């Protein structure tokens, strides 16, 4: 393995220490979800967006609020409903009678951290208003393009699509989310601890920012120095290519998924305090990064299989490189 220079080692140590502070802050509100919080840190450092899917009441919105309060960044919340229209999200030009000119009134999307709550309750037309912002970090209104501030993070929550009053997200939009996470129910001890923490007032009200936006940008730039052995990089590509050749899939992961997996693995290595990627980093990220980008064949759906099991099959079948 190539030796790591001291500058990179120091940068990674700073990332790990800062990530620990953010994790400690979020953990004051979210009980027993350390792995979910680690993956949130990965998404932030990789400048990716997060989709949290689970049944109502499992803490999706609370997680997003805890993240926003832990970062000293501008924050806006969008409550998605069937009657929401694209201009409610991106903003609109309003005629000012006093000046005789149109003035742009920015929508809630013009922010550094955006909580898109229950995103699958909006119509596909409104959901698509996020596409340009999530991929290109800009919005276009009436022919005018406005660059969004950095860092820019969309935290979207959704209920399972089988519930009433929801619209499944289009494949093009799902591909823009770096990670898809599930909260899950807490166990007995975690739920008891949650009752204790919330018995007086919500611990959310006491959270203070632990990282500024400028500090987060420096950490994001530092992640680019995390080293990856060529054999590990090829392992990541082998996993993505295996999805394109799997007989149970109609459509495999795109090259965007390859780039996303590489970025996320570097961020995870840094969060874990390492200046280099291990195959285990890729194996840990893949189940949260690949399934929502895959389209199952009709036969696979009829057999009751899902994308999660297919990704696990691929992880079990693709040989893991052994590093010296």
C-alpha atoms as a PDB file:
ATOM      1  CA  UNK A   1       0.000   0.000   0.000  1.00  0.00           C
ATOM      2  CA  UNK A   2       1.239   3.505  -0.844  1.00  0.00           C
ATOM      3  CA  UNK A   3       2.464   5.442   2.186  1.00  0.00           C
ATOM      4  CA  UNK A   4       0.170   8.209   3.440  1.00  0.00           C
ATOM      5  CA  UNK A   5       1.729  11.666   3.837  1.00  0.00           C
ATOM      6  CA  UNK A   6       1.408  13.534   7.116  1.00  0.00           C
ATOM      7  CA  UNK A   7      -0.860  16.235   5.673  1.00  0.00           C
ATOM      8  CA  UNK A   8      -3.425  13.623   4.622  1.00  0.00           C
ATOM      9  CA  UNK A   9      -3.151  11.835   7.978  1.00  0.00           C
ATOM     10  CA  UNK A  10      -3.783  15.111   9.832  1.00  0.00           C
ATOM     11  CA  UNK A  11      -6.756  15.953   7.606  1.00  0.00           C
ATOM     12  CA  UNK A  12      -8.319  12.537   8.204  1.00  0.00           C
ATOM     13  CA  UNK A  13      -7.769  12.866  11.956  1.00  0.00           C
ATOM     14  CA  UNK A  14      -9.624  16.202  11.841  1.00  0.00           C
ATOM     15  CA  UNK A  15     -12.488  14.628   9.874  1.00  0.00           C
ATOM     16  CA  UNK A  16     -12.794  11.774  12.383  1.00  0.00           C
ATOM     17  CA  UNK A  17     -12.723  14.162  15.380  1.00  0.00           C
ATOM     18  CA  UNK A  18     -15.279  16.538  13.846  1.00  0.00           C
ATOM     19  CA  UNK A  19     -17.484  13.622  12.815  1.00  0.00           C
ATOM     20  CA  UNK A  20     -17.409  12.372  16.398  1.00  0.00           C
ATOM     21  CA  UNK A  21     -18.630  15.781  17.606  1.00  0.00           C
ATOM     22  CA  UNK A  22     -21.501  15.811  15.106  1.00  0.00           C
ATOM     23  CA  UNK A  23     -22.395  12.220  15.992  1.00  0.00           C
ATOM     24  CA  UNK A  24     -22.380  13.036  19.700  1.00  0.00           C
ATOM     25  CA  UNK A  25     -24.722  15.977  19.080  1.00  0.00           C
ATOM     26  CA  UNK A  26     -27.207  13.969  17.001  1.00  0.00           C
ATOM     27  CA  UNK A  27     -27.059  11.077  19.489  1.00  0.00           C
ATOM     28  CA  UNK A  28     -28.483  13.354  22.177  1.00  0.00           C
ATOM     29  CA  UNK A  29     -31.778  13.105  20.271  1.00  0.00           C
ATOM     30  CA  UNK A  30     -31.590   9.883  18.241  1.00  0.00           C
ATOM     31  CA  UNK A  31     -31.198   6.799  20.441  1.00  0.00           C
ATOM     32  CA  UNK A  32     -29.392   3.649  19.326  1.00  0.00           C
ATOM     33  CA  UNK A  33     -28.930   4.463  15.637  1.00  0.00           C
ATOM     34  CA  UNK A  34     -25.138   4.861  15.503  1.00  0.00           C
ATOM     35  CA  UNK A  35     -24.840   3.190  12.102  1.00  0.00           C
ATOM     36  CA  UNK A  36     -27.501   5.456  10.597  1.00  0.00           C
ATOM     37  CA  UNK A  37     -25.721   8.534  11.980  1.00  0.00           C
ATOM     38  CA  UNK A  38     -22.394   7.332  10.568  1.00  0.00           C
ATOM     39  CA  UNK A  39     -23.998   6.985   7.144  1.00  0.00           C
ATOM     40  CA  UNK A  40     -25.432  10.495   7.448  1.00  0.00           C
ATOM     41  CA  UNK A  41     -21.904  11.771   8.101  1.00  0.00           C
ATOM     42  CA  UNK A  42     -20.724   9.879   5.023  1.00  0.00           C
ATOM     43  CA  UNK A  43     -23.370  11.572   2.871  1.00  0.00           C
ATOM     44  CA  UNK A  44     -22.441  15.013   4.188  1.00  0.00           C
ATOM     45  CA  UNK A  45     -18.728  14.499   3.506  1.00  0.00           C
ATOM     46  CA  UNK A  46     -19.424  13.044   0.047  1.00  0.00           C
ATOM     47  CA  UNK A  47     -21.803  15.925  -0.786  1.00  0.00           C
ATOM     48  CA  UNK A  48     -24.601  13.470  -1.389  1.00  0.00           C
ATOM     49  CA  UNK A  49     -28.282  13.499  -0.539  1.00  0.00           C
ATOM     50  CA  UNK A  50     -30.156  11.156   1.783  1.00  0.00           C
ATOM     51  CA  UNK A  51     -33.531   9.449   1.455  1.00  0.00           C
ATOM     52  CA  UNK A  52     -34.898   8.035   4.706  1.00  0.00           C
ATOM     53  CA  UNK A  53     -37.757   5.595   4.209  1.00  0.00           C
ATOM     54  CA  UNK A  54     -39.797   3.997   6.968  1.00  0.00           C
ATOM     55  CA  UNK A  55     -43.250   3.870   8.495  1.00  0.00           C
ATOM     56  CA  UNK A  56     -44.541   6.970  10.331  1.00  0.00           C
ATOM     57  CA  UNK A  57     -43.257   7.622  13.833  1.00  0.00           C
ATOM     58  CA  UNK A  58     -39.800   6.043  13.593  1.00  0.00           C
ATOM     59  CA  UNK A  59     -37.878   9.325  13.879  1.00  0.00           C
ATOM     60  CA  UNK A  60     -37.214  10.290  10.246  1.00  0.00           C
ATOM     61  CA  UNK A  61     -38.071  13.962  10.645  1.00  0.00           C
ATOM     62  CA  UNK A  62     -36.453  14.136  14.082  1.00  0.00           C
ATOM     63  CA  UNK A  63     -33.188  12.835  12.598  1.00  0.00           C
ATOM     64  CA  UNK A  64     -33.257  15.511   9.902  1.00  0.00           C
ATOM     65  CA  UNK A  65     -33.931  18.260  12.456  1.00  0.00           C
ATOM     66  CA  UNK A  66     -31.106  17.021  14.702  1.00  0.00           C
ATOM     67  CA  UNK A  67     -28.686  17.132  11.760  1.00  0.00           C
ATOM     68  CA  UNK A  68     -29.767  20.649  10.837  1.00  0.00           C
ATOM     69  CA  UNK A  69     -29.387  21.913  14.419  1.00  0.00           C
ATOM     70  CA  UNK A  70     -25.916  20.369  14.714  1.00  0.00           C
ATOM     71  CA  UNK A  71     -24.647  22.294  11.671  1.00  0.00           C
ATOM     72  CA  UNK A  72     -24.365  26.077  11.561  1.00  0.00           C
ATOM     73  CA  UNK A  73     -25.971  26.260   8.119  1.00  0.00           C
ATOM     74  CA  UNK A  74     -29.156  27.750   6.705  1.00  0.00           C
ATOM     75  CA  UNK A  75     -32.054  25.319   7.030  1.00  0.00           C
ATOM     76  CA  UNK A  76     -35.503  25.160   5.449  1.00  0.00           C
ATOM     77  CA  UNK A  77     -38.240  22.563   5.625  1.00  0.00           C
ATOM     78  CA  UNK A  78     -40.641  21.688   2.808  1.00  0.00           C
ATOM     79  CA  UNK A  79     -43.763  19.749   3.758  1.00  0.00           C
ATOM     80  CA  UNK A  80     -44.662  17.899   0.559  1.00  0.00           C
ATOM     81  CA  UNK A  81     -48.399  17.573  -0.138  1.00  0.00           C
ATOM     82  CA  UNK A  82     -50.391  16.651  -3.276  1.00  0.00           C
ATOM     83  CA  UNK A  83     -51.276  20.315  -3.959  1.00  0.00           C
ATOM     84  CA  UNK A  84     -47.656  21.557  -3.818  1.00  0.00           C
ATOM     85  CA  UNK A  85     -46.439  23.006  -7.143  1.00  0.00           C
ATOM     86  CA  UNK A  86     -42.831  23.403  -8.396  1.00  0.00           C
ATOM     87  CA  UNK A  87     -42.714  27.169  -7.820  1.00  0.00           C
ATOM     88  CA  UNK A  88     -43.570  26.565  -4.141  1.00  0.00           C
ATOM     89  CA  UNK A  89     -40.242  24.743  -3.929  1.00  0.00           C
ATOM     90  CA  UNK A  90     -37.878  26.668  -6.201  1.00  0.00           C
ATOM     91  CA  UNK A  91     -39.285  30.188  -5.883  1.00  0.00           C
ATOM     92  CA  UNK A  92     -41.129  32.573  -8.192  1.00  0.00           C
ATOM     93  CA  UNK A  93     -40.740  35.980  -9.847  1.00  0.00           C
ATOM     94  CA  UNK A  94     -43.215  38.461  -8.374  1.00  0.00           C
ATOM     95  CA  UNK A  95     -44.123  41.791  -9.965  1.00  0.00           C
ATOM     96  CA  UNK A  96     -43.300  44.753  -7.720  1.00  0.00           C
ATOM     97  CA  UNK A  97     -45.797  47.542  -8.485  1.00  0.00           C
ATOM     98  CA  UNK A  98     -43.662  50.160  -6.725  1.00  0.00           C
ATOM     99  CA  UNK A  99     -40.506  49.528  -8.765  1.00  0.00           C
ATOM    100  CA  UNK A 100     -42.277  48.292 -11.888  1.00  0.00           C
ATOM    101  CA  UNK A 101     -39.992  45.269 -12.078  1.00  0.00           C
ATOM    102  CA  UNK A 102     -40.176  41.564 -11.366  1.00  0.00           C
ATOM    103  CA  UNK A 103     -38.339  40.422  -8.252  1.00  0.00           C
ATOM    104  CA  UNK A 104     -37.324  36.876  -7.463  1.00  0.00           C
ATOM    105  CA  UNK A 105     -38.821  35.492  -4.276  1.00  0.00           C
ATOM    106  CA  UNK A 106     -36.680  32.472  -3.349  1.00  0.00           C
ATOM    107  CA  UNK A 107     -38.360  29.243  -2.334  1.00  0.00           C
ATOM    108  CA  UNK A 108     -37.307  27.009   0.553  1.00  0.00           C
ATOM    109  CA  UNK A 109     -34.997  25.061  -1.783  1.00  0.00           C
ATOM    110  CA  UNK A 110     -32.569  28.029  -1.726  1.00  0.00           C
ATOM    111  CA  UNK A 111     -30.839  26.881   1.438  1.00  0.00           C
ATOM    112  CA  UNK A 112     -27.864  24.792   2.565  1.00  0.00           C
ATOM    113  CA  UNK A 113     -29.835  22.060   4.316  1.00  0.00           C
ATOM    114  CA  UNK A 114     -33.284  21.223   2.993  1.00  0.00           C
ATOM    115  CA  UNK A 115     -35.682  18.843   4.717  1.00  0.00           C
ATOM    116  CA  UNK A 116     -38.061  17.445   2.088  1.00  0.00           C
ATOM    117  CA  UNK A 117     -40.599  15.907   4.440  1.00  0.00           C
ATOM    118  CA  UNK A 118     -42.788  13.099   3.066  1.00  0.00           C
ATOM    119  CA  UNK A 119     -41.472  13.728  -0.443  1.00  0.00           C
ATOM    120  CA  UNK A 120     -43.565  10.950  -1.963  1.00  0.00           C
ATOM    121  CA  UNK A 121     -46.819  12.716  -1.054  1.00  0.00           C
ATOM    122  CA  UNK A 122     -46.194  15.299  -3.805  1.00  0.00           C
ATOM    123  CA  UNK A 123     -46.998  14.688  -7.464  1.00  0.00           C
ATOM    124  CA  UNK A 124     -44.170  13.575  -9.807  1.00  0.00           C
ATOM    125  CA  UNK A 125     -44.143  17.053 -11.398  1.00  0.00           C
ATOM    126  CA  UNK A 126     -43.284  18.673  -8.077  1.00  0.00           C
ATOM    127  CA  UNK A 127     -40.828  15.931  -7.139  1.00  0.00           C
ATOM    128  CA  UNK A 128     -38.987  16.632 -10.395  1.00  0.00           C
ATOM    129  CA  UNK A 129     -38.405  20.243  -9.307  1.00  0.00           C
ATOM    130  CA  UNK A 130     -35.614  18.870  -7.101  1.00  0.00           C
ATOM    131  CA  UNK A 131     -33.736  17.106  -9.919  1.00  0.00           C
ATOM    132  CA  UNK A 132     -31.675  20.040 -11.161  1.00  0.00           C
ATOM    133  CA  UNK A 133     -30.913  21.240  -7.644  1.00  0.00           C
ATOM    134  CA  UNK A 134     -29.767  17.834  -6.397  1.00  0.00           C
ATOM    135  CA  UNK A 135     -27.492  17.048  -9.333  1.00  0.00           C
ATOM    136  CA  UNK A 136     -26.222  20.429 -10.544  1.00  0.00           C
ATOM    137  CA  UNK A 137     -26.575  22.493  -7.359  1.00  0.00           C
ATOM    138  CA  UNK A 138     -28.601  25.150  -9.163  1.00  0.00           C
ATOM    139  CA  UNK A 139     -32.216  26.076  -9.909  1.00  0.00           C
ATOM    140  CA  UNK A 140     -33.657  27.667 -13.041  1.00  0.00           C
ATOM    141  CA  UNK A 141     -36.733  29.888 -12.776  1.00  0.00           C
ATOM    142  CA  UNK A 142     -38.122  31.668 -15.853  1.00  0.00           C
ATOM    143  CA  UNK A 143     -34.851  31.172 -17.696  1.00  0.00           C
ATOM    144  CA  UNK A 144     -32.715  32.586 -14.872  1.00  0.00           C
ATOM    145  CA  UNK A 145     -30.230  30.211 -13.217  1.00  0.00           C
ATOM    146  CA  UNK A 146     -29.320  30.610  -9.566  1.00  0.00           C
ATOM    147  CA  UNK A 147     -26.386  28.714  -8.079  1.00  0.00           C
ATOM    148  CA  UNK A 148     -27.177  27.109  -4.720  1.00  0.00           C
ATOM    149  CA  UNK A 149     -24.932  27.652  -1.681  1.00  0.00           C
ATOM    150  CA  UNK A 150     -22.397  25.055  -0.522  1.00  0.00           C
ATOM    151  CA  UNK A 151     -22.677  22.808   1.323  1.00  0.00           C
ATOM    152  CA  UNK A 152     -26.043  21.743  -0.095  1.00  0.00           C
ATOM    153  CA  UNK A 153     -27.778  18.713   1.387  1.00  0.00           C
ATOM    154  CA  UNK A 154     -31.280  17.385   0.749  1.00  0.00           C
ATOM    155  CA  UNK A 155     -32.649  15.188   3.531  1.00  0.00           C
ATOM    156  CA  UNK A 156     -35.808  13.603   2.188  1.00  0.00           C
ATOM    157  CA  UNK A 157     -38.189  11.396   4.129  1.00  0.00           C
ATOM    158  CA  UNK A 158     -40.869   9.148   2.710  1.00  0.00           C
ATOM    159  CA  UNK A 159     -43.368   6.569   3.854  1.00  0.00           C
ATOM    160  CA  UNK A 160     -43.458   3.180   2.095  1.00  0.00           C
ATOM    161  CA  UNK A 161     -45.190   3.499  -1.272  1.00  0.00           C
ATOM    162  CA  UNK A 162     -47.848   0.947  -0.387  1.00  0.00           C
ATOM    163  CA  UNK A 163     -49.427   3.427   2.026  1.00  0.00           C
ATOM    164  CA  UNK A 164     -52.368   5.473   0.743  1.00  0.00           C
ATOM    165  CA  UNK A 165     -51.879   8.925  -0.740  1.00  0.00           C
ATOM    166  CA  UNK A 166     -48.284   8.484  -1.933  1.00  0.00           C
ATOM    167  CA  UNK A 167     -46.562   8.628  -5.322  1.00  0.00           C
ATOM    168  CA  UNK A 168     -43.475   6.482  -5.999  1.00  0.00           C
ATOM    169  CA  UNK A 169     -40.359   8.518  -6.764  1.00  0.00           C
ATOM    170  CA  UNK A 170     -39.220   8.311 -10.420  1.00  0.00           C
ATOM    171  CA  UNK A 171     -36.049   6.324 -11.095  1.00  0.00           C
ATOM    172  CA  UNK A 172     -34.168   9.432 -12.249  1.00  0.00           C
ATOM    173  CA  UNK A 173     -34.754  11.075  -8.891  1.00  0.00           C
ATOM    174  CA  UNK A 174     -33.909   7.994  -6.829  1.00  0.00           C
ATOM    175  CA  UNK A 175     -30.565   7.868  -8.657  1.00  0.00           C
ATOM    176  CA  UNK A 176     -29.758  11.348  -7.303  1.00  0.00           C
ATOM    177  CA  UNK A 177     -29.884  10.164  -3.692  1.00  0.00           C
ATOM    178  CA  UNK A 178     -26.497   8.960  -2.510  1.00  0.00           C
ATOM    179  CA  UNK A 179     -27.930   6.762   0.243  1.00  0.00           C
ATOM    180  CA  UNK A 180     -31.300   5.300   1.161  1.00  0.00           C
ATOM    181  CA  UNK A 181     -31.611   4.605   4.866  1.00  0.00           C
ATOM    182  CA  UNK A 182     -34.162   2.936   7.123  1.00  0.00           C
ATOM    183  CA  UNK A 183     -34.596   3.876  10.769  1.00  0.00           C
ATOM    184  CA  UNK A 184     -36.319   0.734  12.032  1.00  0.00           C
ATOM    185  CA  UNK A 185     -37.966   0.305  15.410  1.00  0.00           C
ATOM    186  CA  UNK A 186     -35.859   0.669  18.574  1.00  0.00           C
ATOM    187  CA  UNK A 187     -35.364  -2.294  20.886  1.00  0.00           C
ATOM    188  CA  UNK A 188     -36.768  -2.331  24.441  1.00  0.00           C
ATOM    189  CA  UNK A 189     -33.778  -0.635  26.091  1.00  0.00           C
ATOM    190  CA  UNK A 190     -33.524   2.039  23.383  1.00  0.00           C
ATOM    191  CA  UNK A 191     -37.224   2.867  23.532  1.00  0.00           C
ATOM    192  CA  UNK A 192     -37.063   3.125  27.327  1.00  0.00           C
ATOM    193  CA  UNK A 193     -34.090   5.493  27.023  1.00  0.00           C
ATOM    194  CA  UNK A 194     -36.048   7.539  24.505  1.00  0.00           C
ATOM    195  CA  UNK A 195     -38.924   7.961  26.996  1.00  0.00           C
ATOM    196  CA  UNK A 196     -36.487   9.189  29.633  1.00  0.00           C
ATOM    197  CA  UNK A 197     -34.909  11.738  27.315  1.00  0.00           C
ATOM    198  CA  UNK A 198     -38.238  13.140  26.158  1.00  0.00           C
ATOM    199  CA  UNK A 199     -40.051  13.096  29.519  1.00  0.00           C
ATOM    200  CA  UNK A 200     -39.416  16.790  30.236  1.00  0.00           C
ATOM    201  CA  UNK A 201     -38.971  18.413  26.827  1.00  0.00           C
ATOM    202  CA  UNK A 202     -37.554  17.518  23.453  1.00  0.00           C
ATOM    203  CA  UNK A 203     -33.724  17.420  23.543  1.00  0.00           C
ATOM    204  CA  UNK A 204     -33.861  19.019  20.097  1.00  0.00           C
ATOM    205  CA  UNK A 205     -34.432  22.400  21.715  1.00  0.00           C
ATOM    206  CA  UNK A 206     -31.102  22.200  23.543  1.00  0.00           C
ATOM    207  CA  UNK A 207     -28.950  21.290  20.526  1.00  0.00           C
ATOM    208  CA  UNK A 208     -26.341  23.833  19.461  1.00  0.00           C
ATOM    209  CA  UNK A 209     -24.301  23.872  16.218  1.00  0.00           C
ATOM    210  CA  UNK A 210     -20.965  22.076  16.535  1.00  0.00           C
ATOM    211  CA  UNK A 211     -19.663  22.700  12.994  1.00  0.00           C
ATOM    212  CA  UNK A 212     -19.910  25.713  10.671  1.00  0.00           C
ATOM    213  CA  UNK A 213     -20.589  25.507   6.977  1.00  0.00           C
ATOM    214  CA  UNK A 214     -17.042  26.644   6.145  1.00  0.00           C
ATOM    215  CA  UNK A 215     -15.566  23.951   8.399  1.00  0.00           C
ATOM    216  CA  UNK A 216     -17.713  21.313   6.720  1.00  0.00           C
ATOM    217  CA  UNK A 217     -16.528  22.474   3.282  1.00  0.00           C
ATOM    218  CA  UNK A 218     -12.890  22.099   4.343  1.00  0.00           C
ATOM    219  CA  UNK A 219     -13.624  18.553   5.535  1.00  0.00           C
ATOM    220  CA  UNK A 220     -15.391  17.744   2.250  1.00  0.00           C
ATOM    221  CA  UNK A 221     -12.354  18.910   0.289  1.00  0.00           C
ATOM    222  CA  UNK A 222     -10.041  16.894   2.558  1.00  0.00           C
ATOM    223  CA  UNK A 223     -11.905  13.643   1.804  1.00  0.00           C
ATOM    224  CA  UNK A 224     -10.511  13.799  -1.744  1.00  0.00           C
ATOM    225  CA  UNK A 225      -7.064  12.962  -0.355  1.00  0.00           C
ATOM    226  CA  UNK A 226      -8.154   9.561   1.022  1.00  0.00           C
ATOM    227  CA  UNK A 227      -6.178   6.918  -0.873  1.00  0.00           C
ATOM    228  CA  UNK A 228      -7.659   3.956  -2.728  1.00  0.00           C
ATOM    229  CA  UNK A 229      -5.609   1.000  -3.953  1.00  0.00           C
ATOM    230  CA  UNK A 230      -6.303   0.172  -7.626  1.00  0.00           C
ATOM    231  CA  UNK A 231      -7.406  -3.344  -6.663  1.00  0.00           C
ATOM    232  CA  UNK A 232      -9.968  -1.916  -4.219  1.00  0.00           C
ATOM    233  CA  UNK A 233     -11.227   0.521  -6.847  1.00  0.00           C
ATOM    234  CA  UNK A 234     -11.669  -2.346  -9.301  1.00  0.00           C
ATOM    235  CA  UNK A 235     -13.573  -4.274  -6.612  1.00  0.00           C
ATOM    236  CA  UNK A 236     -16.078  -1.421  -6.358  1.00  0.00           C
ATOM    237  CA  UNK A 237     -16.456  -1.391 -10.128  1.00  0.00           C
ATOM    238  CA  UNK A 238     -16.955  -5.175 -10.141  1.00  0.00           C
ATOM    239  CA  UNK A 239     -19.906  -4.825  -7.767  1.00  0.00           C
ATOM    240  CA  UNK A 240     -21.551  -2.164  -9.923  1.00  0.00           C
ATOM    241  CA  UNK A 241     -20.954  -4.096 -13.146  1.00  0.00           C
ATOM    242  CA  UNK A 242     -22.388  -7.239 -11.554  1.00  0.00           C
ATOM    243  CA  UNK A 243     -25.733  -5.448 -11.154  1.00  0.00           C
ATOM    244  CA  UNK A 244     -25.814  -4.824 -14.914  1.00  0.00           C
ATOM    245  CA  UNK A 245     -25.320  -8.525 -15.642  1.00  0.00           C
ATOM    246  CA  UNK A 246     -27.614  -9.992 -12.972  1.00  0.00           C
ATOM    247  CA  UNK A 247     -30.485 -11.986 -14.528  1.00  0.00           C
ATOM    248  CA  UNK A 248     -32.944 -10.777 -11.916  1.00  0.00           C
ATOM    249  CA  UNK A 249     -32.533  -7.118 -12.856  1.00  0.00           C
ATOM    250  CA  UNK A 250     -34.007  -5.233 -15.776  1.00  0.00           C
ATOM    251  CA  UNK A 251     -31.648  -2.300 -15.217  1.00  0.00           C
ATOM    252  CA  UNK A 252     -28.438  -2.244 -13.195  1.00  0.00           C
ATOM    253  CA  UNK A 253     -26.582   0.604 -11.511  1.00  0.00           C
ATOM    254  CA  UNK A 254     -25.370   3.499 -13.668  1.00  0.00           C
ATOM    255  CA  UNK A 255     -21.879   5.050 -13.855  1.00  0.00           C
ATOM    256  CA  UNK A 256     -23.228   7.654 -11.422  1.00  0.00           C
ATOM    257  CA  UNK A 257     -23.503   4.797  -8.922  1.00  0.00           C
ATOM    258  CA  UNK A 258     -19.825   3.905  -9.486  1.00  0.00           C
ATOM    259  CA  UNK A 259     -18.783   7.478  -8.719  1.00  0.00           C
ATOM    260  CA  UNK A 260     -21.103   7.600  -5.719  1.00  0.00           C
ATOM    261  CA  UNK A 261     -19.773   4.334  -4.284  1.00  0.00           C
ATOM    262  CA  UNK A 262     -16.189   5.561  -4.646  1.00  0.00           C
ATOM    263  CA  UNK A 263     -16.938   8.921  -2.979  1.00  0.00           C
ATOM    264  CA  UNK A 264     -18.942   7.359  -0.165  1.00  0.00           C
ATOM    265  CA  UNK A 265     -16.270   4.736   0.582  1.00  0.00           C
ATOM    266  CA  UNK A 266     -13.617   7.446   0.888  1.00  0.00           C
ATOM    267  CA  UNK A 267     -15.868   9.411   3.233  1.00  0.00           C
ATOM    268  CA  UNK A 268     -16.560   6.332   5.375  1.00  0.00           C
ATOM    269  CA  UNK A 269     -12.848   5.568   5.639  1.00  0.00           C
ATOM    270  CA  UNK A 270     -12.227   9.133   6.832  1.00  0.00           C
ATOM    271  CA  UNK A 271     -15.066   8.943   9.367  1.00  0.00           C
ATOM    272  CA  UNK A 272     -13.474   5.745  10.686  1.00  0.00           C
ATOM    273  CA  UNK A 273     -10.132   7.566  11.021  1.00  0.00           C
ATOM    274  CA  UNK A 274      -8.346   5.969   8.068  1.00  0.00           C
ATOM    275  CA  UNK A 275      -6.593   7.712   5.174  1.00  0.00           C
ATOM    276  CA  UNK A 276      -7.174   4.740   2.869  1.00  0.00           C
ATOM    277  CA  UNK A 277     -10.132   2.645   1.722  1.00  0.00           C
ATOM    278  CA  UNK A 278     -10.603  -0.986   2.665  1.00  0.00           C
ATOM    279  CA  UNK A 279     -12.899  -3.440   0.846  1.00  0.00           C
ATOM    280  CA  UNK A 280     -14.969  -3.528   4.049  1.00  0.00           C
ATOM    281  CA  UNK A 281     -15.826   0.162   3.536  1.00  0.00           C
ATOM    282  CA  UNK A 282     -17.284  -0.627   0.125  1.00  0.00           C
ATOM    283  CA  UNK A 283     -19.168  -3.674   1.443  1.00  0.00           C
ATOM    284  CA  UNK A 284     -20.645  -1.561   4.254  1.00  0.00           C
ATOM    285  CA  UNK A 285     -21.811   1.218   1.928  1.00  0.00           C
ATOM    286  CA  UNK A 286     -23.126  -0.868  -0.998  1.00  0.00           C
ATOM    287  CA  UNK A 287     -26.374  -2.137   0.668  1.00  0.00           C
ATOM    288  CA  UNK A 288     -27.413   1.479   1.284  1.00  0.00           C
ATOM    289  CA  UNK A 289     -26.206   2.913  -2.026  1.00  0.00           C
ATOM    290  CA  UNK A 290     -27.100   0.378  -4.729  1.00  0.00           C
ATOM    291  CA  UNK A 291     -30.597  -1.130  -4.139  1.00  0.00           C
ATOM    292  CA  UNK A 292     -32.642   2.021  -4.800  1.00  0.00           C
ATOM    293  CA  UNK A 293     -30.831   2.483  -8.148  1.00  0.00           C
ATOM    294  CA  UNK A 294     -31.850  -0.946  -9.505  1.00  0.00           C
ATOM    295  CA  UNK A 295     -34.946  -1.932 -11.466  1.00  0.00           C
ATOM    296  CA  UNK A 296     -36.174  -5.481 -10.906  1.00  0.00           C
ATOM    297  CA  UNK A 297     -37.397  -7.678 -13.722  1.00  0.00           C
ATOM    298  CA  UNK A 298     -41.056  -8.697 -13.720  1.00  0.00           C
ATOM    299  CA  UNK A 299     -40.120 -12.315 -12.930  1.00  0.00           C
ATOM    300  CA  UNK A 300     -38.070 -11.206  -9.927  1.00  0.00           C
ATOM    301  CA  UNK A 301     -40.996  -9.206  -8.565  1.00  0.00           C
ATOM    302  CA  UNK A 302     -43.368 -12.134  -9.085  1.00  0.00           C
ATOM    303  CA  UNK A 303     -41.067 -14.345  -7.031  1.00  0.00           C
ATOM    304  CA  UNK A 304     -41.247 -11.833  -4.162  1.00  0.00           C
ATOM    305  CA  UNK A 305     -37.568 -10.917  -4.239  1.00  0.00           C
ATOM    306  CA  UNK A 306     -36.296  -7.389  -3.728  1.00  0.00           C
ATOM    307  CA  UNK A 307     -33.244  -5.316  -4.618  1.00  0.00           C
ATOM    308  CA  UNK A 308     -31.744  -5.658  -1.128  1.00  0.00           C
ATOM    309  CA  UNK A 309     -31.442  -9.443  -1.435  1.00  0.00           C
ATOM    310  CA  UNK A 310     -29.960  -9.179  -4.931  1.00  0.00           C
ATOM    311  CA  UNK A 311     -27.284  -6.728  -3.756  1.00  0.00           C
ATOM    312  CA  UNK A 312     -26.456  -9.092  -0.893  1.00  0.00           C
ATOM    313  CA  UNK A 313     -26.143 -11.962  -3.399  1.00  0.00           C
ATOM    314  CA  UNK A 314     -23.711  -9.877  -5.441  1.00  0.00           C
ATOM    315  CA  UNK A 315     -21.670  -8.975  -2.361  1.00  0.00           C
ATOM    316  CA  UNK A 316     -21.459 -12.678  -1.464  1.00  0.00           C
ATOM    317  CA  UNK A 317     -20.455 -13.758  -4.976  1.00  0.00           C
ATOM    318  CA  UNK A 318     -17.913 -11.113  -6.059  1.00  0.00           C
ATOM    319  CA  UNK A 319     -14.433 -12.024  -4.732  1.00  0.00           C
ATOM    320  CA  UNK A 320     -13.053  -9.601  -2.137  1.00  0.00           C
ATOM    321  CA  UNK A 321      -9.466  -8.507  -2.832  1.00  0.00           C
ATOM    322  CA  UNK A 322      -6.885  -9.311  -0.167  1.00  0.00           C
ATOM    323  CA  UNK A 323      -4.511  -6.443   0.562  1.00  0.00           C
ATOM    324  CA  UNK A 324      -0.888  -7.001   1.485  1.00  0.00           C
END
